[in-house]
Amino acid sequence: METHKRPKQASKVIVYMQENGSITQLEALRELGCLRLASRISELKKQGYKINRRMIKVKNKSGEPCYVAEYSLTEG
């Protein structure tokens, strides 16, 4: 049985936003292995973090425009 603990995904999400300014679901999956970003954001909000969400336009793999949520920490 392992005795060391890995950082929780929510902690990784906070660090990623602090270092990179924002995070999307695709970044969360690729960089952190996080499949449920919205759930981690909800947890962080319950812990008192102020997090903004805005919808940004991206292209899907077929080149068609679509919108995804981009999360960032609120200043102040």
PDB file of N, CA and C in Angstrom:
ATOM      1  N   MET A   1       0.842  -1.191   0.000  1.00  0.00           N
ATOM      2  CA  MET A   1       0.000   0.000   0.000  1.00  0.00           C
ATOM      3  C   MET A   1       0.882   1.247   0.000  1.00  0.00           C
ATOM      4  N   GLU A   2       0.577   2.185  -0.891  1.00  0.00           N
ATOM      5  CA  GLU A   2       1.375   3.406  -0.981  1.00  0.00           C
ATOM      6  C   GLU A   2       1.039   4.353   0.160  1.00  0.00           C
ATOM      7  N   THR A   3       2.064   5.027   0.673  1.00  0.00           N
ATOM      8  CA  THR A   3       1.847   5.949   1.778  1.00  0.00           C
ATOM      9  C   THR A   3       1.923   7.409   1.350  1.00  0.00           C
ATOM     10  N   HIS A   4       2.488   7.700   0.146  1.00  0.00           N
ATOM     11  CA  HIS A   4       2.552   9.092  -0.288  1.00  0.00           C
ATOM     12  C   HIS A   4       1.272   9.463  -1.039  1.00  0.00           C
ATOM     13  N   LYS A   5       0.954  10.753  -0.983  1.00  0.00           N
ATOM     14  CA  LYS A   5      -0.276  11.226  -1.608  1.00  0.00           C
ATOM     15  C   LYS A   5       0.051  12.063  -2.834  1.00  0.00           C
ATOM     16  N   ARG A   6      -0.769  11.932  -3.860  1.00  0.00           N
ATOM     17  CA  ARG A   6      -0.638  12.770  -5.041  1.00  0.00           C
ATOM     18  C   ARG A   6      -1.509  14.005  -4.859  1.00  0.00           C
ATOM     19  N   PRO A   7      -1.112  15.130  -5.473  1.00  0.00           N
ATOM     20  CA  PRO A   7      -1.963  16.331  -5.377  1.00  0.00           C
ATOM     21  C   PRO A   7      -3.324  16.067  -6.004  1.00  0.00           C
ATOM     22  N   LYS A   8      -4.350  16.629  -5.408  1.00  0.00           N
ATOM     23  CA  LYS A   8      -5.690  16.473  -5.963  1.00  0.00           C
ATOM     24  C   LYS A   8      -5.808  17.259  -7.255  1.00  0.00           C
ATOM     25  N   GLN A   9      -6.719  16.830  -8.129  1.00  0.00           N
ATOM     26  CA  GLN A   9      -6.893  17.503  -9.409  1.00  0.00           C
ATOM     27  C   GLN A   9      -7.271  18.967  -9.239  1.00  0.00           C
ATOM     28  N   ALA A  10      -8.094  19.286  -8.268  1.00  0.00           N
ATOM     29  CA  ALA A  10      -8.494  20.679  -8.065  1.00  0.00           C
ATOM     30  C   ALA A  10      -7.272  21.549  -7.773  1.00  0.00           C
ATOM     31  N   SER A  11      -6.335  21.041  -7.005  1.00  0.00           N
ATOM     32  CA  SER A  11      -5.109  21.781  -6.712  1.00  0.00           C
ATOM     33  C   SER A  11      -4.292  21.989  -7.984  1.00  0.00           C
ATOM     34  N   LYS A  12      -4.241  20.977  -8.824  1.00  0.00           N
ATOM     35  CA  LYS A  12      -3.523  21.082 -10.094  1.00  0.00           C
ATOM     36  C   LYS A  12      -4.176  22.119 -11.001  1.00  0.00           C
ATOM     37  N   VAL A  13      -5.506  22.189 -10.981  1.00  0.00           N
ATOM     38  CA  VAL A  13      -6.229  23.158 -11.801  1.00  0.00           C
ATOM     39  C   VAL A  13      -5.892  24.580 -11.355  1.00  0.00           C
ATOM     40  N   ILE A  14      -5.876  24.823 -10.050  1.00  0.00           N
ATOM     41  CA  ILE A  14      -5.542  26.157  -9.527  1.00  0.00           C
ATOM     42  C   ILE A  14      -4.131  26.555  -9.962  1.00  0.00           C
ATOM     43  N   VAL A  15      -3.181  25.666  -9.781  1.00  0.00           N
ATOM     44  CA  VAL A  15      -1.801  25.961 -10.156  1.00  0.00           C
ATOM     45  C   VAL A  15      -1.710  26.244 -11.655  1.00  0.00           C
ATOM     46  N   TYR A  16      -2.397  25.460 -12.453  1.00  0.00           N
ATOM     47  CA  TYR A  16      -2.370  25.658 -13.907  1.00  0.00           C
ATOM     48  C   TYR A  16      -2.920  27.038 -14.273  1.00  0.00           C
ATOM     49  N   MET A  17      -4.041  27.437 -13.667  1.00  0.00           N
ATOM     50  CA  MET A  17      -4.609  28.758 -13.955  1.00  0.00           C
ATOM     51  C   MET A  17      -3.676  29.872 -13.496  1.00  0.00           C
ATOM     52  N   GLN A  18      -3.028  29.700 -12.359  1.00  0.00           N
ATOM     53  CA  GLN A  18      -2.095  30.713 -11.862  1.00  0.00           C
ATOM     54  C   GLN A  18      -0.895  30.860 -12.800  1.00  0.00           C
ATOM     55  N   GLU A  19      -0.427  29.756 -13.332  1.00  0.00           N
ATOM     56  CA  GLU A  19       0.756  29.781 -14.194  1.00  0.00           C
ATOM     57  C   GLU A  19       0.444  30.160 -15.638  1.00  0.00           C
ATOM     58  N   ASN A  20      -0.768  29.838 -16.109  1.00  0.00           N
ATOM     59  CA  ASN A  20      -1.107  30.018 -17.522  1.00  0.00           C
ATOM     60  C   ASN A  20      -2.220  31.026 -17.778  1.00  0.00           C
ATOM     61  N   GLY A  21      -2.848  31.515 -16.732  1.00  0.00           N
ATOM     62  CA  GLY A  21      -3.894  32.526 -16.884  1.00  0.00           C
ATOM     63  C   GLY A  21      -5.299  31.978 -17.010  1.00  0.00           C
ATOM     64  N   SER A  22      -5.453  30.815 -17.657  1.00  0.00           N
ATOM     65  CA  SER A  22      -6.784  30.234 -17.852  1.00  0.00           C
ATOM     66  C   SER A  22      -6.637  28.749 -18.173  1.00  0.00           C
ATOM     67  N   ILE A  23      -7.797  28.074 -18.252  1.00  0.00           N
ATOM     68  CA  ILE A  23      -7.798  26.654 -18.595  1.00  0.00           C
ATOM     69  C   ILE A  23      -9.102  26.309 -19.307  1.00  0.00           C
ATOM     70  N   THR A  24      -9.012  25.431 -20.297  1.00  0.00           N
ATOM     71  CA  THR A  24     -10.190  24.883 -20.980  1.00  0.00           C
ATOM     72  C   THR A  24     -10.237  23.382 -20.700  1.00  0.00           C
ATOM     73  N   GLN A  25     -11.335  22.748 -21.066  1.00  0.00           N
ATOM     74  CA  GLN A  25     -11.470  21.308 -20.853  1.00  0.00           C
ATOM     75  C   GLN A  25     -10.373  20.543 -21.588  1.00  0.00           C
ATOM     76  N   LEU A  26     -10.066  20.938 -22.804  1.00  0.00           N
ATOM     77  CA  LEU A  26      -9.041  20.231 -23.567  1.00  0.00           C
ATOM     78  C   LEU A  26      -7.670  20.351 -22.893  1.00  0.00           C
ATOM     79  N   GLU A  27      -7.345  21.537 -22.393  1.00  0.00           N
ATOM     80  CA  GLU A  27      -6.080  21.714 -21.666  1.00  0.00           C
ATOM     81  C   GLU A  27      -6.074  20.874 -20.394  1.00  0.00           C
ATOM     82  N   ALA A  28      -7.188  20.854 -19.686  1.00  0.00           N
ATOM     83  CA  ALA A  28      -7.282  20.062 -18.454  1.00  0.00           C
ATOM     84  C   ALA A  28      -7.047  18.583 -18.744  1.00  0.00           C
ATOM     85  N   LEU A  29      -7.602  18.104 -19.834  1.00  0.00           N
ATOM     86  CA  LEU A  29      -7.429  16.703 -20.204  1.00  0.00           C
ATOM     87  C   LEU A  29      -5.989  16.424 -20.619  1.00  0.00           C
ATOM     88  N   ARG A  30      -5.470  17.234 -21.531  1.00  0.00           N
ATOM     89  CA  ARG A  30      -4.112  17.010 -22.051  1.00  0.00           C
ATOM     90  C   ARG A  30      -3.022  17.212 -21.005  1.00  0.00           C
ATOM     91  N   GLU A  31      -3.119  18.296 -20.251  1.00  0.00           N
ATOM     92  CA  GLU A  31      -2.035  18.673 -19.342  1.00  0.00           C
ATOM     93  C   GLU A  31      -2.147  18.059 -17.947  1.00  0.00           C
ATOM     94  N   LEU A  32      -3.391  17.839 -17.486  1.00  0.00           N
ATOM     95  CA  LEU A  32      -3.584  17.388 -16.106  1.00  0.00           C
ATOM     96  C   LEU A  32      -4.246  16.018 -15.981  1.00  0.00           C
ATOM     97  N   GLY A  33      -4.745  15.486 -17.085  1.00  0.00           N
ATOM     98  CA  GLY A  33      -5.462  14.214 -17.022  1.00  0.00           C
ATOM     99  C   GLY A  33      -6.807  14.340 -16.340  1.00  0.00           C
ATOM    100  N   CYS A  34      -7.369  15.533 -16.356  1.00  0.00           N
ATOM    101  CA  CYS A  34      -8.640  15.818 -15.686  1.00  0.00           C
ATOM    102  C   CYS A  34      -9.794  15.713 -16.683  1.00  0.00           C
ATOM    103  N   LEU A  35     -10.680  14.751 -16.461  1.00  0.00           N
ATOM    104  CA  LEU A  35     -11.805  14.545 -17.366  1.00  0.00           C
ATOM    105  C   LEU A  35     -13.022  15.403 -17.030  1.00  0.00           C
ATOM    106  N   ARG A  36     -13.127  15.877 -15.791  1.00  0.00           N
ATOM    107  CA  ARG A  36     -14.317  16.601 -15.357  1.00  0.00           C
ATOM    108  C   ARG A  36     -13.952  17.974 -14.802  1.00  0.00           C
ATOM    109  N   LEU A  37     -13.491  18.856 -15.687  1.00  0.00           N
ATOM    110  CA  LEU A  37     -13.048  20.181 -15.272  1.00  0.00           C
ATOM    111  C   LEU A  37     -14.157  20.956 -14.581  1.00  0.00           C
ATOM    112  N   ALA A  38     -15.365  20.936 -15.106  1.00  0.00           N
ATOM    113  CA  ALA A  38     -16.460  21.702 -14.507  1.00  0.00           C
ATOM    114  C   ALA A  38     -16.700  21.284 -13.053  1.00  0.00           C
ATOM    115  N   SER A  39     -16.545  20.008 -12.754  1.00  0.00           N
ATOM    116  CA  SER A  39     -16.698  19.533 -11.380  1.00  0.00           C
ATOM    117  C   SER A  39     -15.588  20.061 -10.487  1.00  0.00           C
ATOM    118  N   ARG A  40     -14.351  20.076 -11.007  1.00  0.00           N
ATOM    119  CA  ARG A  40     -13.240  20.619 -10.223  1.00  0.00           C
ATOM    120  C   ARG A  40     -13.416  22.117  -9.994  1.00  0.00           C
ATOM    121  N   ILE A  41     -13.924  22.838 -10.989  1.00  0.00           N
ATOM    122  CA  ILE A  41     -14.188  24.267 -10.845  1.00  0.00           C
ATOM    123  C   ILE A  41     -15.246  24.485  -9.772  1.00  0.00           C
ATOM    124  N   SER A  42     -16.283  23.667  -9.766  1.00  0.00           N
ATOM    125  CA  SER A  42     -17.338  23.762  -8.757  1.00  0.00           C
ATOM    126  C   SER A  42     -16.762  23.543  -7.359  1.00  0.00           C
ATOM    127  N   GLU A  43     -15.896  22.554  -7.210  1.00  0.00           N
ATOM    128  CA  GLU A  43     -15.249  22.299  -5.916  1.00  0.00           C
ATOM    129  C   GLU A  43     -14.447  23.517  -5.465  1.00  0.00           C
ATOM    130  N   LEU A  44     -13.701  24.089  -6.398  1.00  0.00           N
ATOM    131  CA  LEU A  44     -12.868  25.248  -6.071  1.00  0.00           C
ATOM    132  C   LEU A  44     -13.714  26.451  -5.671  1.00  0.00           C
ATOM    133  N   LYS A  45     -14.830  26.652  -6.337  1.00  0.00           N
ATOM    134  CA  LYS A  45     -15.728  27.754  -5.973  1.00  0.00           C
ATOM    135  C   LYS A  45     -16.278  27.556  -4.568  1.00  0.00           C
ATOM    136  N   LYS A  46     -16.602  26.317  -4.215  1.00  0.00           N
ATOM    137  CA  LYS A  46     -17.095  26.025  -2.871  1.00  0.00           C
ATOM    138  C   LYS A  46     -16.025  26.272  -1.811  1.00  0.00           C
ATOM    139  N   GLN A  47     -14.755  26.164  -2.211  1.00  0.00           N
ATOM    140  CA  GLN A  47     -13.645  26.443  -1.303  1.00  0.00           C
ATOM    141  C   GLN A  47     -13.368  27.941  -1.193  1.00  0.00           C
ATOM    142  N   GLY A  48     -14.074  28.748  -1.994  1.00  0.00           N
ATOM    143  CA  GLY A  48     -13.926  30.196  -1.887  1.00  0.00           C
ATOM    144  C   GLY A  48     -13.163  30.872  -3.014  1.00  0.00           C
ATOM    145  N   TYR A  49     -12.676  30.107  -3.969  1.00  0.00           N
ATOM    146  CA  TYR A  49     -11.972  30.721  -5.100  1.00  0.00           C
ATOM    147  C   TYR A  49     -12.975  31.451  -5.989  1.00  0.00           C
ATOM    148  N   LYS A  50     -12.579  32.604  -6.478  1.00  0.00           N
ATOM    149  CA  LYS A  50     -13.393  33.390  -7.408  1.00  0.00           C
ATOM    150  C   LYS A  50     -12.916  33.043  -8.817  1.00  0.00           C
ATOM    151  N   ILE A  51     -13.786  32.404  -9.587  1.00  0.00           N
ATOM    152  CA  ILE A  51     -13.407  31.927 -10.910  1.00  0.00           C
ATOM    153  C   ILE A  51     -14.404  32.434 -11.945  1.00  0.00           C
ATOM    154  N   ASN A  52     -13.856  33.011 -13.005  1.00  0.00           N
ATOM    155  CA  ASN A  52     -14.675  33.485 -14.130  1.00  0.00           C
ATOM    156  C   ASN A  52     -14.809  32.387 -15.171  1.00  0.00           C
ATOM    157  N   ARG A  53     -15.923  32.414 -15.877  1.00  0.00           N
ATOM    158  CA  ARG A  53     -16.105  31.525 -17.022  1.00  0.00           C
ATOM    159  C   ARG A  53     -16.529  32.383 -18.204  1.00  0.00           C
ATOM    160  N   ARG A  54     -15.859  32.182 -19.320  1.00  0.00           N
ATOM    161  CA  ARG A  54     -16.299  32.839 -20.546  1.00  0.00           C
ATOM    162  C   ARG A  54     -16.275  31.809 -21.659  1.00  0.00           C
ATOM    163  N   MET A  55     -17.150  31.998 -22.609  1.00  0.00           N
ATOM    164  CA  MET A  55     -17.221  31.092 -23.743  1.00  0.00           C
ATOM    165  C   MET A  55     -16.342  31.645 -24.856  1.00  0.00           C
ATOM    166  N   ILE A  56     -15.443  30.805 -25.363  1.00  0.00           N
ATOM    167  CA  ILE A  56     -14.564  31.225 -26.445  1.00  0.00           C
ATOM    168  C   ILE A  56     -14.838  30.388 -27.686  1.00  0.00           C
ATOM    169  N   LYS A  57     -14.635  30.992 -28.831  1.00  0.00           N
ATOM    170  CA  LYS A  57     -14.877  30.326 -30.107  1.00  0.00           C
ATOM    171  C   LYS A  57     -13.610  29.596 -30.543  1.00  0.00           C
ATOM    172  N   VAL A  58     -13.759  28.318 -30.854  1.00  0.00           N
ATOM    173  CA  VAL A  58     -12.662  27.493 -31.350  1.00  0.00           C
ATOM    174  C   VAL A  58     -13.166  26.712 -32.552  1.00  0.00           C
ATOM    175  N   LYS A  59     -12.272  26.022 -33.219  1.00  0.00           N
ATOM    176  CA  LYS A  59     -12.676  25.157 -34.330  1.00  0.00           C
ATOM    177  C   LYS A  59     -12.547  23.710 -33.900  1.00  0.00           C
ATOM    178  N   ASN A  60     -13.530  22.904 -34.276  1.00  0.00           N
ATOM    179  CA  ASN A  60     -13.442  21.485 -33.964  1.00  0.00           C
ATOM    180  C   ASN A  60     -12.537  20.799 -34.994  1.00  0.00           C
ATOM    181  N   LYS A  61     -12.382  19.486 -34.900  1.00  0.00           N
ATOM    182  CA  LYS A  61     -11.446  18.803 -35.791  1.00  0.00           C
ATOM    183  C   LYS A  61     -11.884  18.827 -37.245  1.00  0.00           C
ATOM    184  N   SER A  62     -13.153  19.158 -37.497  1.00  0.00           N
ATOM    185  CA  SER A  62     -13.649  19.297 -38.864  1.00  0.00           C
ATOM    186  C   SER A  62     -13.507  20.726 -39.376  1.00  0.00           C
ATOM    187  N   GLY A  63     -12.966  21.607 -38.527  1.00  0.00           N
ATOM    188  CA  GLY A  63     -12.784  22.997 -38.917  1.00  0.00           C
ATOM    189  C   GLY A  63     -14.013  23.865 -38.716  1.00  0.00           C
ATOM    190  N   GLU A  64     -15.035  23.312 -38.091  1.00  0.00           N
ATOM    191  CA  GLU A  64     -16.265  24.060 -37.842  1.00  0.00           C
ATOM    192  C   GLU A  64     -16.150  24.829 -36.534  1.00  0.00           C
ATOM    193  N   PRO A  65     -16.711  26.026 -36.482  1.00  0.00           N
ATOM    194  CA  PRO A  65     -16.638  26.801 -35.236  1.00  0.00           C
ATOM    195  C   PRO A  65     -17.547  26.220 -34.153  1.00  0.00           C
ATOM    196  N   CYS A  66     -17.062  26.261 -32.937  1.00  0.00           N
ATOM    197  CA  CYS A  66     -17.869  25.866 -31.776  1.00  0.00           C
ATOM    198  C   CYS A  66     -17.354  26.663 -30.585  1.00  0.00           C
ATOM    199  N   TYR A  67     -18.069  26.590 -29.479  1.00  0.00           N
ATOM    200  CA  TYR A  67     -17.714  27.343 -28.282  1.00  0.00           C
ATOM    201  C   TYR A  67     -17.382  26.405 -27.138  1.00  0.00           C
ATOM    202  N   VAL A  68     -16.369  26.781 -26.369  1.00  0.00           N
ATOM    203  CA  VAL A  68     -15.985  26.025 -25.177  1.00  0.00           C
ATOM    204  C   VAL A  68     -15.804  26.998 -24.014  1.00  0.00           C
ATOM    205  N   ALA A  69     -15.937  26.489 -22.809  1.00  0.00           N
ATOM    206  CA  ALA A  69     -15.748  27.315 -21.616  1.00  0.00           C
ATOM    207  C   ALA A  69     -14.260  27.462 -21.325  1.00  0.00           C
ATOM    208  N   GLU A  70     -13.884  28.678 -20.981  1.00  0.00           N
ATOM    209  CA  GLU A  70     -12.530  28.982 -20.538  1.00  0.00           C
ATOM    210  C   GLU A  70     -12.627  29.572 -19.136  1.00  0.00           C
ATOM    211  N   TYR A  71     -11.931  28.978 -18.188  1.00  0.00           N
ATOM    212  CA  TYR A  71     -11.990  29.415 -16.793  1.00  0.00           C
ATOM    213  C   TYR A  71     -10.717  30.157 -16.422  1.00  0.00           C
ATOM    214  N   SER A  72     -10.874  31.191 -15.594  1.00  0.00           N
ATOM    215  CA  SER A  72      -9.721  31.945 -15.091  1.00  0.00           C
ATOM    216  C   SER A  72     -10.030  32.445 -13.686  1.00  0.00           C
ATOM    217  N   LEU A  73      -8.987  32.714 -12.924  1.00  0.00           N
ATOM    218  CA  LEU A  73      -9.161  33.262 -11.581  1.00  0.00           C
ATOM    219  C   LEU A  73      -9.512  34.726 -11.672  1.00  0.00           C
ATOM    220  N   THR A  74     -10.435  35.164 -10.827  1.00  0.00           N
ATOM    221  CA  THR A  74     -10.823  36.567 -10.762  1.00  0.00           C
ATOM    222  C   THR A  74      -9.746  37.349 -10.034  1.00  0.00           C
ATOM    223  N   GLU A  75      -9.398  38.488 -10.579  1.00  0.00           N
ATOM    224  CA  GLU A  75      -8.414  39.369  -9.927  1.00  0.00           C
ATOM    225  C   GLU A  75      -9.028  39.970  -8.676  1.00  0.00           C
ATOM    226  N   GLY A  76      -8.233  40.089  -7.630  1.00  0.00           N
ATOM    227  CA  GLY A  76      -8.677  40.761  -6.409  1.00  0.00           C
ATOM    228  C   GLY A  76      -9.444  39.920  -5.549  1.00  0.00           C
TER     229      GLY A  76
END
